[in-house]
Each structure stands twice: as structure tokens, then as C-alpha cells.
Amino acid sequence: MKKSRISAQTKVLLAALCLVIVFVIQFVFIGFGGPRDMRIQETEVGVSYSFDASPSFYANNSRFFYFLTRNGIRLISSVTGNERWHQTFNLTRPTMQARGDFVAVGEEDRGREIFVFNADGPLFQRAFDTPVLTFSINETGFLSVIRQLDNGGHAVEVFTRNNITLPLYVLTLPPSLSLPVAVDVSPDGRYIVIAYLDMAVTMMLRIEFRFINREDARDTDNYGLFAQETFANQFPLDLRFMQSHQVLLTTDAQIVGLQRGTGWAVEQMWSIPLNNHLDQLAFYGNSRFAFVAGDAFVGDRDALPMGDLRIFNMNGEPTGAYSLGRRATFLDMGHNALIVGTDRVYRAIDFRGNLLWEHIAMQDTRAVIFLENTDTFLQAGATRADVWRRQRVRNEDIFS
């Protein structure tokens, strides 16, 4: 019986194929130059500032981050460190409100000017003749302002880039014991929601839904007011639209989803009772919110352990949890994940509560925020902010 033989050419091809397989295995699982591992490393990209510059930072899941100080604001590339644009101003205590692609800068409780930006640069600015008490920006660029009037009353106003000189909406409130403290506009610009503290007898929180659109407001008797609700002995911590007609209200007693009911009523879709003070509270667009439990209310047996991180969707349903075991000092959200800080230890956690990575800062840190992905973040210290990346590196490079 004749035996089959492998030709020399076939042997060469098989040898080459084996080398390719070894090459792929080495590249994927080992890496050239020795074993590889995931490490968080500092890059050469960053910005410096003075200790008293009052810096703050924002990045909308992108390769650029906003850098705000008392002297101005800049948009900086997290890859090259180059400045895309800047605007100078002089603010004593600058505050940045950001949602989606829009950023508003001003001074709460005293300022008289607000600047609005997006990634392309300045959009508009608005000066006022009385102090601004608070302001907000929504994800479609509607700027809402509450300001003090000379007669002791208040004005609630809404501006867009197309309505700078004259506000799109104005509500003038006479002096009273009912103080507007929070405001937001629906993404479609049709509704406004305002939170008041009524101090006539006992503290009462009142929420008003109003039409901005004049055609809708014609069918109402009180400047577009179409629904309202009160909450006894509660203080508002945050107020924002989830969707065009649904509102997320956070107080010191509960987190509740609200929408217009029948008649003048406001319907509570769901409620999450709070049995702890909140150490940290954060939101991720219109999809998630999270908080970290602080001290328990006195005598509350249903309180969470201090340091418990709880994550929810906008239906009030829990999606994840994580136990920090101690008080949280920082919380921010991006890329379907969170960065939570406990002193100098920062953890990235996904919305299911799974730990992605842990980073120990070597100095006191003001903030840590995601940039273009969950493996890239900005760490802001006392006088400098630096970009860090989590990537595969060779072990001999780490210890060399």
C-alpha cells in the first residue's frame, strides 16, 4: 500500500500557519515584551490653576471637557490638551449648570449675568438689573432663571438663543411668603415646572405646572397654570423634567415621579421614600439617577446602611446597588456608569452595581469625571487637573 507524503510546500504553509496562530495568541493574550495587565496611568494632558480659582469641570461623554474658573471658561481636548475655544469674564463665585450639550454659567444668590455655551462655543449671554437667585439649563438649551425684584417679589423667566433680549416666558410674583426656589423647562419647551416654599404657617412645598406656549395658556385663568401639588414639611433638593410632561422631584423625604393628572391634580406615578440623609445625588440624562445613603433619620428602622449606593431608572425601579461601607464624598454619572468617591478612593460602577475599576488618588481631589469612555477620566486636584487612562501595559514597563 502506497503511503501519502506531505510535500515540502505544504510543510512550509503549515509552519507559517502555526506561526500566525502563535502570533495571534501572543498579541491577544500575552502581548509583545511579556505579560500585559490593565493599569490606570496618568497622561501628559491636563490644566493648571491657582488654589483659589474656584475650578469646576464638565464633560458630556466626549473627548472635550469644560474648564471653568472665576476668569472664564475653556473647552479643552482630552487627547491633545489643545483649547478649542474660550471666553473670559470675571465672576466671584462661578456656578456651572449643565445638561446634555448645553452649559450655563453664572453666580447664584448674587450674580447679574448668565452665559450659555455648547461645544461649538458661546451661544448667548443675558444681563439682569436685579440679582439672580438660581438658574437651570435643560437638554435642549432653554435657560430658566429665578431672580429677586426690587420690590421684594420675584421673576421667573425663560430664554433661548432666539429669545435673548426679551424672554420667551415671564412670570412676575409679588412679595409674599411663597418663595420660588427651583425651576425647569420641558425638553420640547412647552411646559415649565416651578417649586415654591410656602412659609405662611408651616413649611409647605408647592409644585406648579404651567404652559409656556401662549396658545395653550389661553385656556387657563392664571398665566398658564394647569396643575399643582403640595407636600407638607418637605424641602426640595432637585427638580427636573424626565420627559415632556413628567417631572422628577427630589426632596429630603422622598424621590417621586410626577405627571399631570385629571383637572388640576398632579399624579404621583411612583415614590421612593428616603430613610436617610443623602450624601450624594446624581442624574444621567433622562435614563437613570442614583444616590448614596448618609446618616439615618433618627429612630428610622428602615434606614439603609451608610455608604449604600442605589441606582434607579426613571420609572423608579432599582437597577443596581453597591456597598461602599463608608460615607461618599463624590458622585458623578456617564457612559451608563458612575464614579463614586470615598475620600481619595474612586470607583467606577456600572448601572447593575458591578465594579469596573478602582483608583486611589495620591492627593486631595475636587472631582473625577468620565471623558470619552469609562476607561478615561479627568482627576482634578488642588491646583491641577489631569487626564488618566486605563489601558493594557507591559508588567516590566510598570516596574521599570
Protein backbone atom coordinates (compact mmCIF):
# COMPACT_ATOMS: atom_id res chain seq x y z
CA MET A 1 0.00 0.00 0.00
CA LYS A 2 1.43 3.34 -1.01
CA LYS A 3 1.84 5.90 1.75
CA SER A 4 0.85 9.52 1.14
CA ARG A 5 3.54 12.11 1.60
CA ILE A 6 3.26 15.77 2.51
CA SER A 7 5.02 17.95 0.01
CA ALA A 8 7.70 20.39 1.05
CA GLN A 9 5.50 23.30 0.00
CA THR A 10 2.65 22.07 2.24
CA LYS A 11 5.05 21.75 5.16
CA VAL A 12 6.11 25.37 4.69
CA LEU A 13 2.48 26.52 4.62
CA LEU A 14 1.63 24.59 7.80
CA ALA A 15 4.66 26.03 9.57
CA ALA A 16 3.64 29.55 8.54
CA LEU A 17 0.09 28.91 9.78
CA CYS A 18 1.44 27.77 13.17
CA LEU A 19 3.50 30.95 13.44
CA VAL A 20 0.43 33.05 12.68
CA ILE A 21 -1.57 31.25 15.40
CA VAL A 22 1.24 31.80 17.90
CA PHE A 23 1.42 35.46 16.85
CA VAL A 24 -2.32 35.98 17.44
CA ILE A 25 -2.25 34.22 20.81
CA GLN A 26 0.73 36.28 21.92
CA PHE A 27 -0.83 39.54 20.76
CA VAL A 28 -4.26 38.96 22.30
CA PHE A 29 -3.46 37.13 25.50
CA ILE A 30 0.14 37.93 26.34
CA GLY A 31 1.40 40.88 24.32
CA PHE A 32 4.86 41.57 22.97
CA GLY A 33 7.62 42.01 25.50
CA GLY A 34 5.97 39.93 28.23
CA PRO A 35 2.65 39.60 30.06
CA ARG A 36 0.28 42.57 29.99
CA ASP A 37 -2.23 43.89 32.52
CA MET A 38 -4.80 46.69 32.80
CA ARG A 39 -3.43 49.73 34.60
CA ILE A 40 -4.69 53.26 35.21
CA GLN A 41 -1.99 55.68 34.14
CA GLU A 42 -1.64 59.43 34.06
CA THR A 43 -1.26 61.05 30.64
CA GLU A 44 0.54 64.27 29.79
CA VAL A 45 -2.74 66.12 29.19
CA GLY A 46 -4.02 68.49 31.87
CA VAL A 47 -4.59 72.05 33.03
CA SER A 48 -3.19 74.03 35.95
CA TYR A 49 -4.89 76.71 38.04
CA SER A 50 -4.47 78.61 41.28
CA PHE A 51 -5.71 77.15 44.54
CA ASP A 52 -8.45 79.82 44.84
CA ALA A 53 -9.59 79.74 41.19
CA SER A 54 -12.89 78.01 42.11
CA PRO A 55 -12.49 75.48 39.24
CA SER A 56 -15.24 73.17 38.03
CA PHE A 57 -15.40 70.69 35.16
CA TYR A 58 -17.96 69.07 32.87
CA ALA A 59 -17.69 66.55 30.03
CA ASN A 60 -20.65 65.26 28.05
CA ASN A 61 -19.24 61.76 27.36
CA SER A 62 -16.82 63.29 24.85
CA ARG A 63 -13.16 63.92 24.15
CA PHE A 64 -13.52 67.51 25.30
CA PHE A 65 -14.08 68.91 28.77
CA TYR A 66 -15.26 72.30 30.03
CA PHE A 67 -12.88 74.02 32.45
CA LEU A 68 -14.45 76.87 34.43
CA THR A 69 -12.72 79.35 36.76
CA ARG A 70 -13.51 82.83 38.03
CA ASN A 71 -11.78 84.32 34.99
CA GLY A 72 -13.53 82.38 32.24
CA ILE A 73 -14.37 79.06 30.64
CA ARG A 74 -12.47 76.88 28.15
CA LEU A 75 -13.24 73.76 26.14
CA ILE A 76 -10.16 71.52 26.09
CA SER A 77 -9.33 68.31 24.20
CA SER A 78 -8.71 65.34 26.48
CA VAL A 79 -6.47 63.82 23.76
CA THR A 80 -4.14 66.69 22.84
CA GLY A 81 -4.75 69.20 25.61
CA ASN A 82 -5.41 71.89 22.99
CA GLU A 83 -8.01 74.56 23.60
CA ARG A 84 -10.96 74.53 21.23
CA TRP A 85 -12.36 77.88 22.36
CA HIS A 86 -12.54 80.12 25.41
CA GLN A 87 -14.47 83.07 26.81
CA THR A 88 -13.23 85.38 29.53
CA PHE A 89 -15.30 87.00 32.28
CA ASN A 90 -14.88 87.98 35.91
CA LEU A 91 -17.09 86.13 38.39
CA THR A 92 -16.51 85.91 42.14
CA ARG A 93 -18.21 82.55 42.71
CA PRO A 94 -18.95 80.95 39.32
CA THR A 95 -21.58 78.22 39.14
CA MET A 96 -21.94 75.87 36.17
CA GLN A 97 -25.26 74.22 35.35
CA ALA A 98 -25.00 71.62 32.57
CA ARG A 99 -27.39 69.23 30.85
CA GLY A 100 -26.55 67.29 27.71
CA ASP A 101 -24.82 69.53 25.16
CA PHE A 102 -25.55 72.82 26.97
CA VAL A 103 -23.72 74.65 29.75
CA ALA A 104 -24.85 77.76 31.63
CA VAL A 105 -22.51 79.80 33.85
CA GLY A 106 -23.46 82.45 36.39
CA GLU A 107 -23.50 83.30 40.08
CA GLU A 108 -26.39 82.15 42.25
CA ASP A 109 -27.72 84.43 45.02
CA ARG A 110 -25.84 87.49 43.76
CA GLY A 111 -24.88 87.43 40.07
CA ARG A 112 -26.45 89.58 37.38
CA GLU A 113 -25.22 87.86 34.22
CA ILE A 114 -25.50 84.35 32.74
CA PHE A 115 -23.51 82.86 29.85
CA VAL A 116 -24.72 79.89 27.78
CA PHE A 117 -22.45 77.61 25.71
CA ASN A 118 -22.30 74.39 23.75
CA ALA A 119 -19.37 72.51 22.23
CA ASP A 120 -19.18 74.99 19.32
CA GLY A 121 -18.68 77.96 21.67
CA PRO A 122 -20.72 80.81 23.21
CA LEU A 123 -24.42 80.83 22.31
CA PHE A 124 -25.69 83.87 24.18
CA GLN A 125 -25.40 85.84 27.40
CA ARG A 126 -28.02 87.72 29.39
CA ALA A 127 -27.54 90.58 31.84
CA PHE A 128 -30.09 91.40 34.57
CA ASP A 129 -30.74 94.52 36.64
CA THR A 130 -31.54 92.53 39.82
CA PRO A 131 -29.76 89.56 41.46
CA VAL A 132 -30.19 86.03 40.09
CA LEU A 133 -31.19 83.61 42.88
CA THR A 134 -30.94 80.39 40.88
CA PHE A 135 -30.93 79.17 37.27
CA SER A 136 -31.01 75.97 35.23
CA ILE A 137 -30.43 74.79 31.66
CA ASN A 138 -32.26 71.89 30.03
CA GLU A 139 -31.03 69.43 27.40
CA THR A 140 -32.46 71.48 24.52
CA GLY A 141 -30.93 74.80 25.59
CA PHE A 142 -33.79 76.50 27.47
CA LEU A 143 -32.36 78.74 30.22
CA SER A 144 -34.61 79.21 33.28
CA VAL A 145 -33.94 81.99 35.78
CA ILE A 146 -35.38 83.00 39.14
CA ARG A 147 -34.36 86.49 40.23
CA GLN A 148 -35.15 88.90 43.03
CA LEU A 149 -37.06 92.08 42.19
CA ASP A 150 -36.51 95.47 43.78
CA ASN A 151 -39.96 95.40 45.43
CA GLY A 152 -39.22 92.12 47.22
CA GLY A 153 -41.08 89.98 44.70
CA HIS A 154 -39.62 87.54 42.18
CA ALA A 155 -39.50 86.96 38.44
CA VAL A 156 -39.34 83.57 36.73
CA GLU A 157 -38.06 83.87 33.16
CA VAL A 158 -37.14 81.56 30.29
CA PHE A 159 -34.66 82.40 27.50
CA THR A 160 -33.36 80.65 24.37
CA ARG A 161 -30.79 81.64 21.77
CA ASN A 162 -33.70 83.00 19.71
CA ASN A 163 -35.13 84.97 22.65
CA ILE A 164 -32.24 86.86 24.24
CA THR A 165 -33.42 90.47 24.53
CA LEU A 166 -36.96 89.52 25.51
CA PRO A 167 -37.65 86.35 27.50
CA LEU A 168 -39.71 83.59 25.94
CA TYR A 169 -41.72 83.38 29.18
CA VAL A 170 -42.14 85.71 32.19
CA LEU A 171 -43.97 85.13 35.46
CA THR A 172 -43.88 88.06 37.90
CA LEU A 173 -44.63 87.21 41.54
CA PRO A 174 -45.49 89.89 44.12
CA PRO A 175 -43.85 89.91 47.57
CA SER A 176 -45.20 87.07 49.71
CA LEU A 177 -44.19 84.20 51.97
CA SER A 178 -44.22 81.91 48.93
CA LEU A 179 -40.66 81.76 47.57
CA PRO A 180 -39.77 80.19 44.19
CA VAL A 181 -36.68 78.02 44.75
CA ALA A 182 -36.33 75.74 41.67
CA VAL A 183 -37.40 75.75 38.03
CA ASP A 184 -37.05 73.65 34.87
CA VAL A 185 -38.43 73.61 31.31
CA SER A 186 -39.60 70.52 29.42
CA PRO A 187 -37.36 69.37 26.55
CA ASP A 188 -39.93 70.45 23.96
CA GLY A 189 -40.21 73.92 25.53
CA ARG A 190 -43.95 73.60 26.11
CA TYR A 191 -44.11 73.34 29.92
CA ILE A 192 -42.42 74.92 32.90
CA VAL A 193 -42.38 73.48 36.43
CA ILE A 194 -41.69 75.68 39.47
CA ALA A 195 -41.11 74.67 43.10
CA TYR A 196 -42.10 77.05 45.91
CA LEU A 197 -41.56 77.07 49.64
CA ASP A 198 -44.66 78.39 51.41
CA MET A 199 -43.77 79.64 54.88
CA ALA A 200 -47.13 81.15 55.94
CA VAL A 201 -47.83 78.71 58.81
CA THR A 202 -45.63 75.63 58.46
CA MET A 203 -43.17 74.76 55.71
CA MET A 204 -45.05 73.59 52.63
CA LEU A 205 -43.53 72.62 49.28
CA ARG A 206 -45.70 73.50 46.29
CA ILE A 207 -45.13 72.35 42.71
CA GLU A 208 -46.76 74.20 39.81
CA PHE A 209 -47.06 73.06 36.20
CA ARG A 210 -47.54 75.91 33.73
CA PHE A 211 -47.79 76.27 29.96
CA ILE A 212 -45.10 78.32 28.24
CA ASN A 213 -46.85 78.21 24.88
CA ARG A 214 -49.28 81.13 24.68
CA GLU A 215 -51.82 79.16 22.67
CA ASP A 216 -52.00 76.53 25.41
CA ALA A 217 -52.11 79.19 28.13
CA ARG A 218 -55.17 80.89 26.60
CA ASP A 219 -57.39 78.16 28.06
CA THR A 220 -56.18 78.83 31.61
CA ASP A 221 -57.15 81.60 34.02
CA ASN A 222 -53.83 82.15 35.77
CA TYR A 223 -50.87 82.70 33.41
CA GLY A 224 -50.75 79.17 32.10
CA LEU A 225 -51.15 77.35 35.44
CA PHE A 226 -52.79 73.97 34.79
CA ALA A 227 -51.79 71.70 37.69
CA GLN A 228 -50.29 71.93 41.17
CA GLU A 229 -49.48 69.76 44.19
CA THR A 230 -48.30 70.37 47.75
CA PHE A 231 -46.02 68.36 50.06
CA ALA A 232 -46.04 69.13 53.79
CA ASN A 233 -42.75 69.61 55.64
CA GLN A 234 -40.51 68.74 52.71
CA PHE A 235 -37.59 70.67 51.28
CA PRO A 236 -36.71 70.39 47.55
CA LEU A 237 -33.25 69.10 46.65
CA ASP A 238 -33.72 68.82 42.88
CA LEU A 239 -36.44 69.37 40.28
CA ARG A 240 -36.21 68.33 36.61
CA PHE A 241 -38.24 67.10 33.68
CA MET A 242 -37.77 63.45 32.76
CA GLN A 243 -39.85 63.73 29.58
CA SER A 244 -42.08 66.36 28.05
CA HIS A 245 -44.75 66.12 30.75
CA GLN A 246 -43.15 64.03 33.51
CA VAL A 247 -41.13 65.52 36.37
CA LEU A 248 -38.64 64.04 38.82
CA LEU A 249 -38.81 65.73 42.23
CA THR A 250 -36.27 65.01 44.95
CA THR A 251 -36.96 66.25 48.47
CA ASP A 252 -35.40 65.50 51.83
CA ALA A 253 -38.14 62.88 52.37
CA GLN A 254 -38.67 61.15 49.01
CA ILE A 255 -37.89 60.91 45.30
CA VAL A 256 -41.10 60.99 43.33
CA GLY A 257 -42.18 60.85 39.68
CA LEU A 258 -44.95 63.32 38.83
CA GLN A 259 -47.17 63.93 35.83
CA ARG A 260 -50.34 65.82 35.04
CA GLY A 261 -53.47 64.09 36.26
CA THR A 262 -57.12 64.95 35.70
CA GLY A 263 -58.28 68.50 36.26
CA TRP A 264 -55.83 70.46 38.41
CA ALA A 265 -54.36 67.36 40.01
CA VAL A 266 -50.77 66.15 39.77
CA GLU A 267 -50.48 62.36 39.63
CA GLN A 268 -47.72 60.60 41.55
CA MET A 269 -46.55 57.78 39.28
CA TRP A 270 -44.15 56.32 41.86
CA SER A 271 -42.32 57.30 45.03
CA ILE A 272 -39.12 56.20 46.76
CA PRO A 273 -39.24 57.07 50.48
CA LEU A 274 -35.95 58.28 51.91
CA ASN A 275 -34.96 56.98 55.33
CA ASN A 276 -31.52 58.54 55.26
CA HIS A 277 -29.98 61.88 54.55
CA LEU A 278 -28.41 61.83 51.08
CA ASP A 279 -24.64 62.19 51.00
CA GLN A 280 -24.62 62.32 47.19
CA LEU A 281 -27.22 62.57 44.41
CA ALA A 282 -26.61 62.40 40.64
CA PHE A 283 -28.57 62.10 37.37
CA TYR A 284 -27.80 60.65 33.95
CA GLY A 285 -29.90 62.41 31.34
CA ASN A 286 -33.44 61.08 31.23
CA SER A 287 -32.50 57.47 31.91
CA ARG A 288 -31.02 57.00 35.42
CA PHE A 289 -30.47 58.58 38.82
CA ALA A 290 -28.53 57.41 41.85
CA PHE A 291 -27.85 58.37 45.44
CA VAL A 292 -25.59 57.36 48.30
CA ALA A 293 -27.18 56.98 51.73
CA GLY A 294 -25.76 59.10 54.53
CA ASP A 295 -26.80 59.29 58.18
CA ALA A 296 -30.07 57.55 59.01
CA PHE A 297 -33.02 59.61 60.19
CA VAL A 298 -33.29 59.39 63.96
CA GLY A 299 -35.19 56.28 65.01
CA ASP A 300 -35.82 55.05 61.43
CA ARG A 301 -35.56 51.26 61.42
CA ASP A 302 -35.89 51.07 57.63
CA ALA A 303 -32.80 53.18 57.02
CA LEU A 304 -30.09 51.97 54.65
CA PRO A 305 -26.54 51.38 55.87
CA MET A 306 -24.35 54.45 55.45
CA GLY A 307 -22.50 54.31 52.14
CA ASP A 308 -25.10 52.24 50.27
CA LEU A 309 -25.22 53.28 46.60
CA ARG A 310 -28.62 52.79 44.96
CA ILE A 311 -29.25 53.14 41.20
CA PHE A 312 -32.71 53.57 39.59
CA ASN A 313 -34.28 54.05 36.18
CA MET A 314 -36.78 56.83 35.54
CA ASN A 315 -39.67 54.52 36.42
CA GLY A 316 -38.38 54.44 39.99
CA GLU A 317 -37.22 50.83 39.58
CA PRO A 318 -33.88 49.77 41.10
CA THR A 319 -31.29 48.60 38.58
CA GLY A 320 -28.23 48.17 40.79
CA ALA A 321 -26.65 48.67 44.21
CA TYR A 322 -23.18 48.75 45.72
CA SER A 323 -21.99 48.97 49.32
CA LEU A 324 -19.18 51.46 49.87
CA GLY A 325 -19.07 50.79 53.60
CA ARG A 326 -18.39 54.44 54.40
CA ARG A 327 -19.52 57.97 53.64
CA ALA A 328 -19.38 59.09 49.99
CA THR A 329 -17.67 62.36 49.13
CA PHE A 330 -18.34 62.46 45.36
CA LEU A 331 -20.74 61.06 42.74
CA ASP A 332 -20.98 61.61 39.00
CA MET A 333 -22.53 59.66 36.10
CA GLY A 334 -21.66 58.99 32.46
CA HIS A 335 -21.44 56.21 29.86
CA ASN A 336 -24.06 54.09 31.69
CA ALA A 337 -21.86 54.04 34.76
CA LEU A 338 -20.96 56.04 37.87
CA ILE A 339 -17.83 57.37 39.51
CA VAL A 340 -18.22 57.43 43.29
CA GLY A 341 -15.60 58.72 45.68
CA THR A 342 -14.86 57.95 49.33
CA ASP A 343 -12.10 60.34 50.39
CA ARG A 344 -9.26 59.53 47.94
CA VAL A 345 -10.67 56.22 46.68
CA TYR A 346 -12.69 56.42 43.46
CA ARG A 347 -14.65 53.56 41.93
CA ALA A 348 -16.30 53.18 38.53
CA ILE A 349 -19.51 51.15 38.83
CA ASP A 350 -21.95 50.21 36.07
CA PHE A 351 -25.72 50.60 36.35
CA ARG A 352 -26.08 47.00 37.55
CA GLY A 353 -23.81 47.68 40.50
CA ASN A 354 -20.73 45.91 39.10
CA LEU A 355 -17.30 47.32 39.90
CA LEU A 356 -15.41 48.34 36.74
CA TRP A 357 -12.23 49.69 38.34
CA GLU A 358 -10.84 51.31 41.46
CA HIS A 359 -8.43 54.24 41.60
CA ILE A 360 -6.61 55.71 44.59
CA ALA A 361 -5.73 59.40 44.23
CA MET A 362 -2.40 60.42 45.69
CA GLN A 363 -3.72 63.84 46.74
CA ASP A 364 -6.92 65.53 47.83
CA THR A 365 -9.24 65.63 44.83
CA ARG A 366 -12.01 68.04 43.86
CA ALA A 367 -13.69 65.86 41.22
CA VAL A 368 -13.27 62.82 38.96
CA ILE A 369 -15.40 62.70 35.80
CA PHE A 370 -15.65 60.36 32.81
CA LEU A 371 -14.42 61.62 29.44
CA GLU A 372 -14.85 59.71 26.15
CA ASN A 373 -15.36 56.30 27.79
CA THR A 374 -15.39 54.59 31.18
CA ASP A 375 -11.63 53.95 30.94
CA THR A 376 -10.75 57.63 30.53
CA PHE A 377 -11.35 60.22 33.22
CA LEU A 378 -10.29 63.65 34.46
CA GLN A 379 -8.96 63.90 38.01
CA ALA A 380 -9.00 67.42 39.43
CA GLY A 381 -6.73 68.17 42.38
CA ALA A 382 -5.99 71.31 44.35
CA THR A 383 -4.09 73.14 41.60
CA ARG A 384 -4.15 70.84 38.55
CA ALA A 385 -6.48 68.51 36.64
CA ASP A 386 -5.04 65.59 34.67
CA VAL A 387 -6.39 63.04 32.20
CA TRP A 388 -5.95 59.38 33.23
CA ARG A 389 -6.47 56.30 31.06
CA ARG A 390 -6.99 52.64 31.91
CA GLN A 391 -5.11 50.56 29.34
CA ARG A 392 -3.05 47.43 28.79
CA VAL A 393 0.60 47.84 29.72
CA ARG A 394 3.57 45.50 30.00
CA ASN A 395 4.48 44.46 33.54
CA GLU A 396 8.15 45.24 33.01
CA ASP A 397 7.21 48.79 31.98
CA ILE A 398 5.21 49.24 35.17
CA PHE A 399 8.10 48.33 37.46
CA SER A 400 11.00 49.62 35.36
